[in-house]
Amino acid sequence: MASEDVVGKSTGESAVNTIVNLAEEAKLAREGVKAPGHAILSICKSLVAGGVAGGVTVSVSDSIGKDQELLLLHWNG
C-alpha cells in the first residue's frame, strides 16, 4: 500500500497516491482501536475501596489489640 514504490508516474501523482494510501491505512488502523471506556474509573473505584477497607481493618484490629492488652493487665495485675 503506502510502502509500495510508484513507478512510471510523475512526482506529483506519486506524492498524492502516497498520501491517499497513508490516509486509508490510518483510517483502517483507527477502526480497530476502541476507547477504554469506564475501565479507568472502575480501577480507581477498586483502589479507593481497597484503601478504605484496609484502613478500617487496621483501625479495628488495632483497637481490639489494645483492649486485649488492657484486659490481660487488669486480670493479671
C-alpha atoms as a PDB file:
ATOM      1  CA  MET A   1       0.000   0.000   0.000  1.00  0.00           C
ATOM      2  CA  ALA A   2       1.836   3.120   1.205  1.00  0.00           C
ATOM      3  CA  SER A   3       5.192   1.405   1.236  1.00  0.00           C
ATOM      4  CA  GLU A   4       4.929   0.351  -2.409  1.00  0.00           C
ATOM      5  CA  ASP A   5       7.006   2.318  -4.893  1.00  0.00           C
ATOM      6  CA  VAL A   6       5.061   4.064  -7.627  1.00  0.00           C
ATOM      7  CA  VAL A   7       6.898   3.610 -10.925  1.00  0.00           C
ATOM      8  CA  GLY A   8       6.281   5.488 -14.151  1.00  0.00           C
ATOM      9  CA  LYS A   9       4.238   8.372 -12.741  1.00  0.00           C
ATOM     10  CA  SER A  10       5.099  11.961 -12.155  1.00  0.00           C
ATOM     11  CA  THR A  11       6.308  13.134  -8.762  1.00  0.00           C
ATOM     12  CA  GLY A  12       3.022  14.925  -8.034  1.00  0.00           C
ATOM     13  CA  GLU A  13       0.903  11.882  -8.750  1.00  0.00           C
ATOM     14  CA  SER A  14       3.253   9.702  -6.729  1.00  0.00           C
ATOM     15  CA  ALA A  15       3.027  12.034  -3.737  1.00  0.00           C
ATOM     16  CA  VAL A  16      -0.768  12.185  -3.960  1.00  0.00           C
ATOM     17  CA  ASN A  17      -1.029   8.401  -4.175  1.00  0.00           C
ATOM     18  CA  THR A  18       1.263   8.024  -1.182  1.00  0.00           C
ATOM     19  CA  ILE A  19      -0.798  10.457   0.887  1.00  0.00           C
ATOM     20  CA  VAL A  20      -4.042   8.752  -0.112  1.00  0.00           C
ATOM     21  CA  ASN A  21      -2.627   5.347   0.786  1.00  0.00           C
ATOM     22  CA  LEU A  22      -1.407   6.620   4.154  1.00  0.00           C
ATOM     23  CA  ALA A  23      -4.826   8.120   4.870  1.00  0.00           C
ATOM     24  CA  GLU A  24      -6.528   4.834   4.018  1.00  0.00           C
ATOM     25  CA  GLU A  25      -4.153   2.884   6.260  1.00  0.00           C
ATOM     26  CA  ALA A  26      -4.719   5.344   9.113  1.00  0.00           C
ATOM     27  CA  LYS A  27      -8.475   5.001   8.715  1.00  0.00           C
ATOM     28  CA  LEU A  28      -8.257   1.199   8.811  1.00  0.00           C
ATOM     29  CA  ALA A  29      -5.989   1.294  11.867  1.00  0.00           C
ATOM     30  CA  ARG A  30      -8.319   3.666  13.688  1.00  0.00           C
ATOM     31  CA  GLU A  31     -11.375   1.482  13.149  1.00  0.00           C
ATOM     32  CA  GLY A  32      -9.842  -1.362  15.152  1.00  0.00           C
ATOM     33  CA  VAL A  33      -8.985   0.806  18.188  1.00  0.00           C
ATOM     34  CA  LYS A  34     -11.617   1.312  20.871  1.00  0.00           C
ATOM     35  CA  ALA A  35     -11.582   3.752  23.776  1.00  0.00           C
ATOM     36  CA  PRO A  36     -11.033   2.258  27.239  1.00  0.00           C
ATOM     37  CA  GLY A  37     -14.480   3.422  28.345  1.00  0.00           C
ATOM     38  CA  HIS A  38     -15.095   3.085  32.043  1.00  0.00           C
ATOM     39  CA  ALA A  39     -12.149   0.776  32.715  1.00  0.00           C
ATOM     40  CA  ILE A  40     -10.048   3.522  34.321  1.00  0.00           C
ATOM     41  CA  LEU A  41     -12.957   4.655  36.504  1.00  0.00           C
ATOM     42  CA  SER A  42     -13.567   1.085  37.615  1.00  0.00           C
ATOM     43  CA  ILE A  43      -9.912   0.622  38.532  1.00  0.00           C
ATOM     44  CA  CYS A  44      -9.899   3.856  40.546  1.00  0.00           C
ATOM     45  CA  LYS A  45     -13.053   2.809  42.412  1.00  0.00           C
ATOM     46  CA  SER A  46     -11.474  -0.536  43.270  1.00  0.00           C
ATOM     47  CA  LEU A  47      -8.299   1.130  44.549  1.00  0.00           C
ATOM     48  CA  VAL A  48     -10.262   3.546  46.738  1.00  0.00           C
ATOM     49  CA  ALA A  49     -12.466   0.740  48.086  1.00  0.00           C
ATOM     50  CA  GLY A  50      -9.376  -1.321  48.896  1.00  0.00           C
ATOM     51  CA  GLY A  51      -7.781   1.608  50.692  1.00  0.00           C
ATOM     52  CA  VAL A  52     -10.886   2.230  52.776  1.00  0.00           C
ATOM     53  CA  ALA A  53     -11.202  -1.468  53.635  1.00  0.00           C
ATOM     54  CA  GLY A  54      -7.539  -1.603  54.642  1.00  0.00           C
ATOM     55  CA  GLY A  55      -7.892   1.468  56.828  1.00  0.00           C
ATOM     56  CA  VAL A  56     -10.950   0.088  58.586  1.00  0.00           C
ATOM     57  CA  THR A  57      -9.243  -3.258  59.136  1.00  0.00           C
ATOM     58  CA  VAL A  58      -6.164  -1.670  60.681  1.00  0.00           C
ATOM     59  CA  SER A  59      -8.258   0.583  62.913  1.00  0.00           C
ATOM     60  CA  VAL A  60     -10.453  -2.260  64.174  1.00  0.00           C
ATOM     61  CA  SER A  61      -7.618  -4.729  64.723  1.00  0.00           C
ATOM     62  CA  ASP A  62      -5.538  -2.092  66.499  1.00  0.00           C
ATOM     63  CA  SER A  63      -8.348  -1.233  68.908  1.00  0.00           C
ATOM     64  CA  ILE A  64      -9.024  -4.935  69.595  1.00  0.00           C
ATOM     65  CA  GLY A  65      -5.324  -5.432  70.321  1.00  0.00           C
ATOM     66  CA  LYS A  66      -5.323  -2.579  72.799  1.00  0.00           C
ATOM     67  CA  ASP A  67      -8.434  -3.960  74.516  1.00  0.00           C
ATOM     68  CA  GLN A  68      -6.757  -7.369  74.847  1.00  0.00           C
ATOM     69  CA  GLU A  69      -3.690  -5.821  76.432  1.00  0.00           C
ATOM     70  CA  LEU A  70      -5.816  -3.877  78.916  1.00  0.00           C
ATOM     71  CA  LEU A  71      -7.786  -6.991  79.886  1.00  0.00           C
ATOM     72  CA  LEU A  72      -4.626  -9.048  80.354  1.00  0.00           C
ATOM     73  CA  LEU A  73      -3.022  -6.356  82.500  1.00  0.00           C
ATOM     74  CA  HIS A  74      -6.167  -5.932  84.560  1.00  0.00           C
ATOM     75  CA  TRP A  75      -6.717  -9.631  85.261  1.00  0.00           C
ATOM     76  CA  ASN A  76      -3.045 -10.466  85.802  1.00  0.00           C
ATOM     77  CA  GLY A  77      -2.098  -7.378  87.679  1.00  0.00           C
END
